[in-house]
Amino acid sequence: MEVVKINVESRDQLGKKASKQIRKDGKIPAVMYSKKNGVTHFTTKHGDVKSMVYTPQFKLAELTLNGNTSKAIIKDIDFHPVTDEIVHMDFLELVDGQPLIADIPVAFRGVSPGVKSGGKLITTLRKVKVKATPEVLVDTLEVSIDDLELGFAVRVKDIDVPEGIQIMVDGAMPVANVEVPRALKSADAAAEDGAEEAPEAEAEA
């Protein structure tokens, strides 16, 4: 799993006014929640976190503050409603043996027969919420689409789940389906209409 190393700076001034000044200085106000150390307030830079934020991949952060390093994941991000600029970040410190909740991306393995037949693979669930300890976390969860035919779906229950990871969403929830293209639907409909008309023509003959 990829780890992004980030040097952060502690901050003592809290509140809206202080956060506004931090953003004016080109930095991001942030906090890290820890069951061991409580809440730690600090600042980080846009360039240091963009590889974690603007990506579909699941990555860990290695935060270094005053010479001390902590592994963490992003817990929440606030974006500006107009500019989409990051205005605040929450991190959660990882502690070995301590379970946490995380959203893990889903990756597809194999080739769908339905797609080979002209269908389109439609992704309906890109990430899955899981519960796991840090030492067994993975960056992706895989699901096979080797048997996925036209008009059918793969579901959460079909995902390959490594030992120690617990899926926290309904197993019946669809992850992806193969949509039948309009051309194939029209062709099938025309074929059915032709099959219905044939017996009538024979009867008149």
N, C-alpha and C. Protein backbone atom coordinates (compact mmCIF):
# COMPACT_ATOMS: atom_id res chain seq x y z
N MET A 1 0.84 -1.19 0.00
CA MET A 1 0.00 0.00 0.00
C MET A 1 0.88 1.25 0.00
N GLU A 2 0.50 2.23 -0.83
CA GLU A 2 1.31 3.43 -0.94
C GLU A 2 1.14 4.31 0.30
N VAL A 3 2.27 4.83 0.77
CA VAL A 3 2.28 5.73 1.93
C VAL A 3 2.80 7.09 1.48
N VAL A 4 2.03 8.14 1.77
CA VAL A 4 2.41 9.50 1.41
C VAL A 4 3.01 10.18 2.64
N LYS A 5 4.26 10.61 2.53
CA LYS A 5 4.93 11.27 3.64
C LYS A 5 4.64 12.77 3.63
N ILE A 6 4.15 13.27 4.76
CA ILE A 6 3.74 14.67 4.85
C ILE A 6 4.34 15.31 6.09
N ASN A 7 5.09 16.39 5.90
CA ASN A 7 5.59 17.18 7.03
C ASN A 7 4.54 18.24 7.37
N VAL A 8 4.11 18.26 8.62
CA VAL A 8 3.07 19.21 9.05
C VAL A 8 3.62 20.11 10.15
N GLU A 9 2.94 21.23 10.36
CA GLU A 9 3.35 22.19 11.38
C GLU A 9 2.26 22.33 12.43
N SER A 10 2.65 22.35 13.68
CA SER A 10 1.67 22.49 14.76
C SER A 10 1.09 23.90 14.75
N ARG A 11 -0.11 24.04 15.29
CA ARG A 11 -0.73 25.36 15.40
C ARG A 11 -1.39 25.50 16.77
N ASP A 12 -1.25 26.67 17.33
CA ASP A 12 -1.83 26.95 18.64
C ASP A 12 -3.10 27.79 18.53
N GLN A 13 -3.14 28.65 17.50
CA GLN A 13 -4.29 29.53 17.32
C GLN A 13 -5.42 28.76 16.63
N LEU A 14 -6.56 28.65 17.32
CA LEU A 14 -7.71 27.94 16.77
C LEU A 14 -8.86 28.91 16.51
N GLY A 15 -9.92 28.40 15.91
CA GLY A 15 -11.08 29.23 15.64
C GLY A 15 -11.13 29.70 14.20
N LYS A 16 -12.25 30.34 13.82
CA LYS A 16 -12.48 30.74 12.44
C LYS A 16 -11.47 31.78 11.95
N LYS A 17 -11.16 32.74 12.82
CA LYS A 17 -10.24 33.80 12.42
C LYS A 17 -8.85 33.24 12.12
N ALA A 18 -8.38 32.35 12.99
CA ALA A 18 -7.06 31.74 12.79
C ALA A 18 -7.05 30.86 11.53
N SER A 19 -8.12 30.10 11.34
CA SER A 19 -8.20 29.22 10.16
C SER A 19 -8.22 30.03 8.87
N LYS A 20 -8.91 31.17 8.92
CA LYS A 20 -8.97 32.05 7.74
C LYS A 20 -7.58 32.56 7.38
N GLN A 21 -6.80 32.90 8.39
CA GLN A 21 -5.44 33.39 8.15
C GLN A 21 -4.55 32.28 7.60
N ILE A 22 -4.74 31.07 8.10
CA ILE A 22 -3.97 29.92 7.61
C ILE A 22 -4.22 29.71 6.13
N ARG A 23 -5.49 29.78 5.73
CA ARG A 23 -5.83 29.60 4.31
C ARG A 23 -5.28 30.76 3.47
N LYS A 24 -5.30 31.95 4.05
CA LYS A 24 -4.75 33.12 3.34
C LYS A 24 -3.26 32.95 3.09
N ASP A 25 -2.59 32.23 4.00
CA ASP A 25 -1.15 31.96 3.87
C ASP A 25 -0.88 30.78 2.93
N GLY A 26 -1.93 30.22 2.34
CA GLY A 26 -1.76 29.13 1.38
C GLY A 26 -1.65 27.76 2.01
N LYS A 27 -2.08 27.62 3.26
CA LYS A 27 -2.01 26.33 3.95
C LYS A 27 -3.41 25.82 4.30
N ILE A 28 -3.46 24.61 4.80
CA ILE A 28 -4.73 23.97 5.14
C ILE A 28 -4.77 23.68 6.64
N PRO A 29 -5.77 24.18 7.37
CA PRO A 29 -5.92 23.78 8.77
C PRO A 29 -6.39 22.33 8.83
N ALA A 30 -5.83 21.58 9.76
CA ALA A 30 -6.16 20.16 9.85
C ALA A 30 -6.06 19.67 11.29
N VAL A 31 -6.68 18.52 11.54
CA VAL A 31 -6.60 17.89 12.86
C VAL A 31 -6.36 16.40 12.67
N MET A 32 -5.77 15.77 13.66
CA MET A 32 -5.63 14.32 13.68
C MET A 32 -6.26 13.80 14.97
N TYR A 33 -7.20 12.87 14.81
CA TYR A 33 -7.85 12.25 15.96
C TYR A 33 -7.10 10.98 16.33
N SER A 34 -6.83 10.83 17.62
CA SER A 34 -6.09 9.68 18.10
C SER A 34 -6.67 9.22 19.43
N LYS A 35 -6.90 7.92 19.56
CA LYS A 35 -7.38 7.39 20.83
C LYS A 35 -6.30 7.45 21.90
N LYS A 36 -5.06 7.56 21.44
CA LYS A 36 -3.94 7.62 22.38
C LYS A 36 -3.61 9.04 22.79
N ASN A 37 -3.64 9.98 21.83
CA ASN A 37 -3.20 11.35 22.10
C ASN A 37 -4.29 12.40 21.98
N GLY A 38 -5.52 11.98 21.75
CA GLY A 38 -6.60 12.95 21.63
C GLY A 38 -6.58 13.65 20.28
N VAL A 39 -6.81 14.97 20.28
CA VAL A 39 -6.89 15.74 19.05
C VAL A 39 -5.64 16.61 18.91
N THR A 40 -4.98 16.50 17.77
CA THR A 40 -3.80 17.30 17.47
C THR A 40 -4.12 18.26 16.33
N HIS A 41 -3.89 19.54 16.53
CA HIS A 41 -4.15 20.55 15.51
C HIS A 41 -2.86 20.91 14.80
N PHE A 42 -2.91 21.01 13.48
CA PHE A 42 -1.73 21.35 12.71
C PHE A 42 -2.13 21.94 11.37
N THR A 43 -1.14 22.33 10.57
CA THR A 43 -1.39 22.81 9.21
C THR A 43 -0.59 21.96 8.24
N THR A 44 -1.09 21.89 7.02
CA THR A 44 -0.38 21.18 5.97
C THR A 44 -0.48 22.00 4.69
N LYS A 45 0.19 21.55 3.64
CA LYS A 45 0.20 22.29 2.38
C LYS A 45 -0.55 21.52 1.30
N HIS A 46 -1.16 22.27 0.39
CA HIS A 46 -1.93 21.65 -0.69
C HIS A 46 -1.07 20.69 -1.51
N GLY A 47 0.15 21.09 -1.81
CA GLY A 47 1.02 20.25 -2.62
C GLY A 47 1.39 18.94 -1.96
N ASP A 48 1.37 18.92 -0.61
CA ASP A 48 1.76 17.72 0.12
C ASP A 48 0.64 16.68 0.20
N VAL A 49 -0.62 17.14 0.08
CA VAL A 49 -1.74 16.21 0.26
C VAL A 49 -2.49 15.90 -1.04
N LYS A 50 -2.17 16.61 -2.13
CA LYS A 50 -2.97 16.44 -3.34
C LYS A 50 -2.91 15.02 -3.90
N SER A 51 -1.78 14.33 -3.70
CA SER A 51 -1.68 12.95 -4.22
C SER A 51 -2.55 11.98 -3.43
N MET A 52 -2.97 12.38 -2.22
CA MET A 52 -3.88 11.55 -1.43
C MET A 52 -5.34 11.88 -1.72
N VAL A 53 -5.58 13.17 -2.00
CA VAL A 53 -6.96 13.65 -2.14
C VAL A 53 -7.51 13.43 -3.53
N TYR A 54 -6.74 13.83 -4.55
CA TYR A 54 -7.23 13.78 -5.92
C TYR A 54 -6.83 12.47 -6.59
N THR A 55 -7.33 11.40 -6.06
CA THR A 55 -7.04 10.07 -6.59
C THR A 55 -8.13 9.10 -6.15
N PRO A 56 -8.45 8.11 -6.98
CA PRO A 56 -9.42 7.10 -6.57
C PRO A 56 -8.79 6.03 -5.67
N GLN A 57 -7.45 6.06 -5.54
CA GLN A 57 -6.74 5.05 -4.77
C GLN A 57 -6.81 5.33 -3.27
N PHE A 58 -6.69 4.27 -2.50
CA PHE A 58 -6.66 4.38 -1.04
C PHE A 58 -5.20 4.41 -0.59
N LYS A 59 -4.81 5.48 0.09
CA LYS A 59 -3.42 5.62 0.51
C LYS A 59 -3.34 5.97 2.00
N LEU A 60 -2.22 5.64 2.59
CA LEU A 60 -1.96 6.00 3.98
C LEU A 60 -1.11 7.26 4.02
N ALA A 61 -1.26 8.02 5.09
CA ALA A 61 -0.43 9.21 5.31
C ALA A 61 0.56 8.92 6.43
N GLU A 62 1.76 9.40 6.25
CA GLU A 62 2.77 9.35 7.30
C GLU A 62 3.04 10.81 7.71
N LEU A 63 2.43 11.22 8.79
CA LEU A 63 2.50 12.60 9.23
C LEU A 63 3.67 12.79 10.20
N THR A 64 4.53 13.74 9.89
CA THR A 64 5.66 14.04 10.77
C THR A 64 5.46 15.42 11.38
N LEU A 65 5.34 15.46 12.70
CA LEU A 65 5.10 16.70 13.44
C LEU A 65 6.10 16.79 14.59
N ASN A 66 6.92 17.83 14.55
CA ASN A 66 7.92 18.04 15.61
C ASN A 66 8.81 16.82 15.82
N GLY A 67 9.15 16.14 14.73
CA GLY A 67 10.04 14.99 14.81
C GLY A 67 9.34 13.68 15.11
N ASN A 68 8.05 13.72 15.43
CA ASN A 68 7.29 12.50 15.71
C ASN A 68 6.46 12.11 14.48
N THR A 69 6.47 10.82 14.15
CA THR A 69 5.77 10.34 12.96
C THR A 69 4.58 9.46 13.34
N SER A 70 3.46 9.67 12.66
CA SER A 70 2.25 8.88 12.89
C SER A 70 1.68 8.43 11.55
N LYS A 71 1.21 7.19 11.50
CA LYS A 71 0.47 6.70 10.33
C LYS A 71 -1.00 7.09 10.51
N ALA A 72 -1.63 7.53 9.41
CA ALA A 72 -3.01 7.97 9.51
C ALA A 72 -3.72 7.79 8.17
N ILE A 73 -5.04 7.89 8.21
CA ILE A 73 -5.84 7.93 6.99
C ILE A 73 -6.67 9.21 7.02
N ILE A 74 -7.12 9.63 5.85
CA ILE A 74 -8.00 10.79 5.78
C ILE A 74 -9.38 10.38 6.27
N LYS A 75 -9.89 11.10 7.25
CA LYS A 75 -11.21 10.82 7.81
C LYS A 75 -12.29 11.66 7.13
N ASP A 76 -11.95 12.92 6.84
CA ASP A 76 -12.93 13.81 6.21
C ASP A 76 -12.20 14.99 5.58
N ILE A 77 -12.81 15.55 4.53
CA ILE A 77 -12.27 16.73 3.86
C ILE A 77 -13.40 17.70 3.60
N ASP A 78 -13.17 18.97 3.90
CA ASP A 78 -14.13 20.02 3.57
C ASP A 78 -13.59 20.82 2.39
N PHE A 79 -14.44 21.00 1.37
CA PHE A 79 -14.06 21.77 0.20
C PHE A 79 -14.85 23.08 0.15
N HIS A 80 -14.26 24.10 -0.44
CA HIS A 80 -14.96 25.36 -0.63
C HIS A 80 -16.11 25.12 -1.61
N PRO A 81 -17.32 25.62 -1.30
CA PRO A 81 -18.48 25.33 -2.16
C PRO A 81 -18.39 25.92 -3.57
N VAL A 82 -17.56 26.93 -3.76
CA VAL A 82 -17.45 27.56 -5.08
C VAL A 82 -16.17 27.16 -5.80
N THR A 83 -15.04 27.26 -5.11
CA THR A 83 -13.74 27.01 -5.75
C THR A 83 -13.29 25.56 -5.69
N ASP A 84 -13.93 24.76 -4.82
CA ASP A 84 -13.53 23.36 -4.60
C ASP A 84 -12.15 23.23 -3.97
N GLU A 85 -11.61 24.31 -3.46
CA GLU A 85 -10.33 24.27 -2.77
C GLU A 85 -10.50 23.61 -1.40
N ILE A 86 -9.50 22.86 -0.96
CA ILE A 86 -9.57 22.22 0.35
C ILE A 86 -9.50 23.29 1.44
N VAL A 87 -10.47 23.27 2.35
CA VAL A 87 -10.48 24.27 3.42
C VAL A 87 -10.21 23.65 4.80
N HIS A 88 -10.35 22.34 4.91
CA HIS A 88 -10.06 21.69 6.20
C HIS A 88 -9.94 20.19 5.98
N MET A 89 -9.07 19.55 6.78
CA MET A 89 -8.91 18.10 6.69
C MET A 89 -8.90 17.47 8.07
N ASP A 90 -9.50 16.29 8.16
CA ASP A 90 -9.46 15.48 9.38
C ASP A 90 -8.71 14.19 9.08
N PHE A 91 -7.77 13.85 9.94
CA PHE A 91 -7.04 12.58 9.83
C PHE A 91 -7.36 11.71 11.04
N LEU A 92 -7.23 10.41 10.86
CA LEU A 92 -7.41 9.45 11.96
C LEU A 92 -6.13 8.65 12.11
N GLU A 93 -5.53 8.72 13.29
CA GLU A 93 -4.29 7.99 13.52
C GLU A 93 -4.54 6.49 13.57
N LEU A 94 -3.63 5.73 12.98
CA LEU A 94 -3.72 4.28 12.97
C LEU A 94 -2.92 3.69 14.11
N VAL A 95 -3.55 2.77 14.83
CA VAL A 95 -2.89 2.09 15.94
C VAL A 95 -2.99 0.59 15.69
N ASP A 96 -1.86 -0.11 15.64
CA ASP A 96 -1.87 -1.55 15.39
C ASP A 96 -2.80 -2.26 16.37
N GLY A 97 -3.65 -3.13 15.81
CA GLY A 97 -4.57 -3.89 16.64
C GLY A 97 -5.87 -3.17 16.94
N GLN A 98 -5.95 -1.87 16.59
CA GLN A 98 -7.15 -1.09 16.87
C GLN A 98 -8.00 -0.99 15.60
N PRO A 99 -9.20 -1.59 15.58
CA PRO A 99 -10.03 -1.56 14.37
C PRO A 99 -10.43 -0.14 13.98
N LEU A 100 -10.59 0.07 12.68
CA LEU A 100 -11.04 1.36 12.17
C LEU A 100 -11.98 1.12 11.00
N ILE A 101 -12.72 2.17 10.63
CA ILE A 101 -13.62 2.12 9.48
C ILE A 101 -12.98 2.89 8.34
N ALA A 102 -12.95 2.29 7.15
CA ALA A 102 -12.35 2.95 5.99
C ALA A 102 -13.13 2.60 4.74
N ASP A 103 -13.04 3.48 3.75
CA ASP A 103 -13.67 3.24 2.44
C ASP A 103 -12.59 2.77 1.47
N ILE A 104 -12.72 1.53 1.00
CA ILE A 104 -11.72 0.93 0.12
C ILE A 104 -12.25 0.84 -1.31
N PRO A 105 -11.47 1.28 -2.30
CA PRO A 105 -11.91 1.20 -3.71
C PRO A 105 -12.10 -0.25 -4.17
N VAL A 106 -13.02 -0.43 -5.10
CA VAL A 106 -13.28 -1.76 -5.68
C VAL A 106 -12.65 -1.82 -7.07
N ALA A 107 -11.92 -2.90 -7.36
CA ALA A 107 -11.30 -3.10 -8.67
C ALA A 107 -11.90 -4.35 -9.31
N PHE A 108 -12.05 -4.32 -10.62
CA PHE A 108 -12.63 -5.45 -11.34
C PHE A 108 -11.54 -6.34 -11.92
N ARG A 109 -11.74 -7.64 -11.81
CA ARG A 109 -10.77 -8.62 -12.32
C ARG A 109 -11.42 -9.47 -13.40
N GLY A 110 -10.71 -9.63 -14.52
CA GLY A 110 -11.22 -10.47 -15.58
C GLY A 110 -11.92 -9.69 -16.68
N VAL A 111 -12.58 -10.43 -17.57
CA VAL A 111 -13.28 -9.84 -18.71
C VAL A 111 -14.72 -10.34 -18.72
N SER A 112 -15.66 -9.44 -18.81
CA SER A 112 -17.08 -9.80 -18.78
C SER A 112 -17.54 -10.30 -20.15
N PRO A 113 -18.19 -11.48 -20.19
CA PRO A 113 -18.78 -11.97 -21.45
C PRO A 113 -19.83 -11.00 -22.00
N GLY A 114 -20.55 -10.35 -21.08
CA GLY A 114 -21.57 -9.39 -21.50
C GLY A 114 -20.96 -8.20 -22.22
N VAL A 115 -19.81 -7.75 -21.75
CA VAL A 115 -19.12 -6.64 -22.42
C VAL A 115 -18.61 -7.10 -23.79
N LYS A 116 -18.12 -8.35 -23.86
CA LYS A 116 -17.66 -8.90 -25.14
C LYS A 116 -18.81 -8.95 -26.15
N SER A 117 -20.02 -9.12 -25.63
CA SER A 117 -21.20 -9.23 -26.51
C SER A 117 -21.74 -7.86 -26.92
N GLY A 118 -21.08 -6.82 -26.46
CA GLY A 118 -21.51 -5.47 -26.86
C GLY A 118 -22.12 -4.65 -25.73
N GLY A 119 -22.21 -5.22 -24.53
CA GLY A 119 -22.76 -4.48 -23.40
C GLY A 119 -21.77 -3.49 -22.82
N LYS A 120 -22.27 -2.63 -21.95
CA LYS A 120 -21.43 -1.62 -21.31
C LYS A 120 -21.39 -1.87 -19.81
N LEU A 121 -20.17 -1.91 -19.25
CA LEU A 121 -20.01 -2.12 -17.81
C LEU A 121 -20.29 -0.80 -17.08
N ILE A 122 -21.30 -0.82 -16.22
CA ILE A 122 -21.70 0.35 -15.46
C ILE A 122 -21.33 0.15 -13.98
N THR A 123 -20.44 0.97 -13.47
CA THR A 123 -20.04 0.88 -12.06
C THR A 123 -21.03 1.63 -11.20
N THR A 124 -21.58 0.96 -10.20
CA THR A 124 -22.57 1.59 -9.32
C THR A 124 -22.04 1.81 -7.91
N LEU A 125 -20.93 1.16 -7.57
CA LEU A 125 -20.34 1.32 -6.24
C LEU A 125 -18.82 1.29 -6.40
N ARG A 126 -18.20 2.45 -6.21
CA ARG A 126 -16.75 2.55 -6.43
C ARG A 126 -15.93 2.24 -5.19
N LYS A 127 -16.53 2.45 -4.02
CA LYS A 127 -15.83 2.18 -2.76
C LYS A 127 -16.74 1.43 -1.80
N VAL A 128 -16.13 0.63 -0.95
CA VAL A 128 -16.89 -0.17 0.02
C VAL A 128 -16.38 0.15 1.43
N LYS A 129 -17.30 0.37 2.32
CA LYS A 129 -16.93 0.64 3.72
C LYS A 129 -16.58 -0.66 4.41
N VAL A 130 -15.40 -0.69 5.06
CA VAL A 130 -14.94 -1.90 5.73
C VAL A 130 -14.48 -1.57 7.15
N LYS A 131 -14.39 -2.62 7.94
CA LYS A 131 -13.83 -2.51 9.29
C LYS A 131 -12.64 -3.45 9.36
N ALA A 132 -11.49 -2.93 9.80
CA ALA A 132 -10.29 -3.75 9.85
C ALA A 132 -9.25 -3.08 10.73
N THR A 133 -8.26 -3.85 11.14
CA THR A 133 -7.12 -3.28 11.85
C THR A 133 -6.09 -2.81 10.81
N PRO A 134 -5.23 -1.84 11.14
CA PRO A 134 -4.30 -1.29 10.16
C PRO A 134 -3.41 -2.32 9.47
N GLU A 135 -3.02 -3.35 10.21
CA GLU A 135 -2.07 -4.31 9.64
C GLU A 135 -2.67 -5.19 8.54
N VAL A 136 -4.00 -5.24 8.42
CA VAL A 136 -4.60 -6.06 7.36
C VAL A 136 -5.29 -5.21 6.29
N LEU A 137 -5.20 -3.90 6.39
CA LEU A 137 -5.81 -3.02 5.40
C LEU A 137 -5.19 -3.26 4.02
N VAL A 138 -6.00 -3.13 2.99
CA VAL A 138 -5.53 -3.25 1.61
C VAL A 138 -5.92 -1.98 0.83
N ASP A 139 -5.24 -1.74 -0.29
CA ASP A 139 -5.56 -0.53 -1.05
C ASP A 139 -6.72 -0.72 -2.01
N THR A 140 -7.05 -1.98 -2.35
CA THR A 140 -8.21 -2.26 -3.20
C THR A 140 -8.84 -3.58 -2.80
N LEU A 141 -10.11 -3.73 -3.13
CA LEU A 141 -10.82 -5.00 -3.00
C LEU A 141 -11.23 -5.43 -4.40
N GLU A 142 -11.03 -6.68 -4.73
CA GLU A 142 -11.30 -7.15 -6.09
C GLU A 142 -12.60 -7.94 -6.19
N VAL A 143 -13.24 -7.82 -7.34
CA VAL A 143 -14.41 -8.65 -7.64
C VAL A 143 -14.26 -9.13 -9.08
N SER A 144 -14.52 -10.42 -9.29
CA SER A 144 -14.39 -11.00 -10.63
C SER A 144 -15.63 -10.70 -11.47
N ILE A 145 -15.39 -10.34 -12.75
CA ILE A 145 -16.51 -10.14 -13.68
C ILE A 145 -16.43 -11.16 -14.82
N ASP A 146 -15.68 -12.24 -14.62
CA ASP A 146 -15.51 -13.26 -15.65
C ASP A 146 -16.82 -13.94 -16.04
N ASP A 147 -17.81 -13.95 -15.15
CA ASP A 147 -19.10 -14.61 -15.44
C ASP A 147 -20.23 -13.60 -15.60
N LEU A 148 -19.90 -12.33 -15.73
CA LEU A 148 -20.93 -11.29 -15.77
C LEU A 148 -21.51 -11.15 -17.18
N GLU A 149 -22.75 -11.60 -17.34
CA GLU A 149 -23.42 -11.58 -18.64
C GLU A 149 -24.25 -10.31 -18.82
N LEU A 150 -24.77 -10.14 -20.03
CA LEU A 150 -25.63 -8.99 -20.34
C LEU A 150 -26.83 -8.94 -19.39
N GLY A 151 -27.08 -7.76 -18.83
CA GLY A 151 -28.24 -7.57 -17.98
C GLY A 151 -28.08 -8.03 -16.55
N PHE A 152 -26.91 -8.54 -16.19
CA PHE A 152 -26.68 -9.04 -14.84
C PHE A 152 -25.72 -8.13 -14.08
N ALA A 153 -25.63 -8.37 -12.75
CA ALA A 153 -24.80 -7.52 -11.90
C ALA A 153 -23.93 -8.37 -10.98
N VAL A 154 -22.79 -7.80 -10.57
CA VAL A 154 -22.02 -8.37 -9.47
C VAL A 154 -22.34 -7.53 -8.24
N ARG A 155 -22.34 -8.18 -7.08
CA ARG A 155 -22.78 -7.52 -5.85
C ARG A 155 -21.68 -7.55 -4.79
N VAL A 156 -21.92 -6.82 -3.73
CA VAL A 156 -20.94 -6.74 -2.65
C VAL A 156 -20.56 -8.13 -2.15
N LYS A 157 -21.53 -9.04 -2.09
CA LYS A 157 -21.26 -10.40 -1.59
C LYS A 157 -20.30 -11.17 -2.50
N ASP A 158 -20.10 -10.69 -3.75
CA ASP A 158 -19.20 -11.36 -4.69
C ASP A 158 -17.76 -10.88 -4.56
N ILE A 159 -17.51 -9.85 -3.76
CA ILE A 159 -16.17 -9.30 -3.59
C ILE A 159 -15.27 -10.29 -2.86
N ASP A 160 -14.03 -10.40 -3.31
CA ASP A 160 -13.04 -11.23 -2.62
C ASP A 160 -12.55 -10.46 -1.39
N VAL A 161 -12.86 -10.97 -0.21
CA VAL A 161 -12.55 -10.26 1.03
C VAL A 161 -11.39 -10.94 1.75
N PRO A 162 -10.25 -10.26 1.91
CA PRO A 162 -9.11 -10.86 2.64
C PRO A 162 -9.47 -11.13 4.10
N GLU A 163 -8.77 -12.07 4.68
CA GLU A 163 -9.00 -12.43 6.07
C GLU A 163 -8.74 -11.21 6.98
N GLY A 164 -9.64 -11.02 7.92
CA GLY A 164 -9.49 -9.94 8.88
C GLY A 164 -10.22 -8.67 8.50
N ILE A 165 -10.81 -8.64 7.30
CA ILE A 165 -11.54 -7.46 6.85
C ILE A 165 -13.04 -7.76 6.86
N GLN A 166 -13.81 -6.87 7.44
CA GLN A 166 -15.26 -7.05 7.53
C GLN A 166 -15.96 -5.99 6.67
N ILE A 167 -16.79 -6.45 5.74
CA ILE A 167 -17.57 -5.54 4.91
C ILE A 167 -18.73 -4.97 5.73
N MET A 168 -18.92 -3.65 5.65
CA MET A 168 -19.91 -2.99 6.49
C MET A 168 -21.17 -2.55 5.74
N VAL A 169 -21.35 -3.02 4.51
CA VAL A 169 -22.54 -2.67 3.73
C VAL A 169 -23.28 -3.93 3.32
N ASP A 170 -24.52 -3.78 2.90
CA ASP A 170 -25.38 -4.88 2.52
C ASP A 170 -24.78 -5.68 1.36
N GLY A 171 -24.69 -6.99 1.54
CA GLY A 171 -24.10 -7.85 0.52
C GLY A 171 -24.87 -7.88 -0.78
N ALA A 172 -26.17 -7.51 -0.73
CA ALA A 172 -26.98 -7.52 -1.95
C ALA A 172 -26.80 -6.27 -2.80
N MET A 173 -26.07 -5.29 -2.28
CA MET A 173 -25.89 -4.04 -3.01
C MET A 173 -25.06 -4.28 -4.28
N PRO A 174 -25.56 -3.82 -5.45
CA PRO A 174 -24.81 -4.03 -6.69
C PRO A 174 -23.55 -3.17 -6.76
N VAL A 175 -22.49 -3.76 -7.28
CA VAL A 175 -21.22 -3.05 -7.48
C VAL A 175 -21.10 -2.59 -8.93
N ALA A 176 -21.54 -3.44 -9.84
CA ALA A 176 -21.51 -3.10 -11.27
C ALA A 176 -22.49 -4.00 -12.02
N ASN A 177 -22.96 -3.53 -13.17
CA ASN A 177 -23.82 -4.34 -14.03
C ASN A 177 -23.46 -4.09 -15.48
N VAL A 178 -23.85 -5.04 -16.33
CA VAL A 178 -23.62 -4.88 -17.77
C VAL A 178 -24.93 -4.46 -18.42
N GLU A 179 -24.92 -3.24 -18.91
CA GLU A 179 -26.11 -2.66 -19.52
C GLU A 179 -26.26 -3.18 -20.96
N VAL A 180 -27.48 -3.58 -21.28
CA VAL A 180 -27.76 -4.04 -22.63
C VAL A 180 -27.90 -2.82 -23.53
N PRO A 181 -27.09 -2.70 -24.59
CA PRO A 181 -27.16 -1.52 -25.46
C PRO A 181 -28.49 -1.45 -26.21
N ARG A 182 -28.87 -0.24 -26.58
CA ARG A 182 -30.16 -0.02 -27.24
C ARG A 182 -30.27 -0.81 -28.54
N ALA A 183 -29.17 -0.92 -29.26
CA ALA A 183 -29.21 -1.65 -30.54
C ALA A 183 -29.57 -3.11 -30.33
N LEU A 184 -29.02 -3.73 -29.28
CA LEU A 184 -29.33 -5.13 -29.00
C LEU A 184 -30.77 -5.28 -28.53
N LYS A 185 -31.26 -4.31 -27.74
CA LYS A 185 -32.66 -4.35 -27.30
C LYS A 185 -33.60 -4.27 -28.50
N SER A 186 -33.28 -3.38 -29.45
CA SER A 186 -34.11 -3.22 -30.64
C SER A 186 -34.11 -4.48 -31.49
N ALA A 187 -32.92 -5.09 -31.59
CA ALA A 187 -32.80 -6.31 -32.39
C ALA A 187 -33.61 -7.44 -31.75
N ASP A 188 -33.54 -7.55 -30.41
CA ASP A 188 -34.29 -8.60 -29.71
C ASP A 188 -35.79 -8.37 -29.87
N ALA A 189 -36.20 -7.10 -29.77
CA ALA A 189 -37.62 -6.78 -29.90
C ALA A 189 -38.12 -7.10 -31.31
N ALA A 190 -37.30 -6.80 -32.30
CA ALA A 190 -37.68 -7.08 -33.68
C ALA A 190 -37.79 -8.58 -33.91
N ALA A 191 -36.88 -9.32 -33.31
CA ALA A 191 -36.89 -10.78 -33.46
C ALA A 191 -38.14 -11.38 -32.83
N GLU A 192 -38.54 -10.83 -31.66
CA GLU A 192 -39.74 -11.32 -30.98
C GLU A 192 -40.99 -11.01 -31.79
N ASP A 193 -41.03 -9.80 -32.38
CA ASP A 193 -42.18 -9.43 -33.20
C ASP A 193 -42.30 -10.34 -34.42
N GLY A 194 -41.13 -10.66 -35.00
CA GLY A 194 -41.14 -11.54 -36.17
C GLY A 194 -41.61 -12.93 -35.82
N ALA A 195 -41.23 -13.40 -34.62
CA ALA A 195 -41.63 -14.75 -34.19
C ALA A 195 -43.13 -14.80 -33.94
N GLU A 196 -43.72 -13.71 -33.46
CA GLU A 196 -45.16 -13.68 -33.19
C GLU A 196 -45.98 -13.62 -34.47
N GLU A 197 -45.44 -12.91 -35.49
CA GLU A 197 -46.17 -12.76 -36.74
C GLU A 197 -46.13 -14.02 -37.59
N ALA A 198 -45.08 -14.82 -37.45
CA ALA A 198 -44.91 -16.02 -38.28
C ALA A 198 -46.05 -17.01 -38.12
N PRO A 199 -46.49 -17.39 -36.90
CA PRO A 199 -47.60 -18.35 -36.77
C PRO A 199 -48.87 -17.83 -37.38
N GLU A 200 -49.12 -16.50 -37.28
CA GLU A 200 -50.34 -15.94 -37.87
C GLU A 200 -50.33 -16.09 -39.40
N ALA A 201 -49.16 -15.84 -39.98
CA ALA A 201 -49.05 -15.97 -41.45
C ALA A 201 -49.29 -17.41 -41.88
N GLU A 202 -48.79 -18.37 -41.09
CA GLU A 202 -48.97 -19.80 -41.42
C GLU A 202 -50.45 -20.17 -41.35
N ALA A 203 -51.15 -19.60 -40.33
CA ALA A 203 -52.56 -19.92 -40.14
C ALA A 203 -53.40 -19.41 -41.31
N GLU A 204 -53.08 -18.22 -41.83
CA GLU A 204 -53.82 -17.66 -42.95
C GLU A 204 -53.57 -18.47 -44.20
N ALA A 205 -52.33 -19.00 -44.35
CA ALA A 205 -51.99 -19.80 -45.53
C ALA A 205 -52.82 -21.08 -45.51
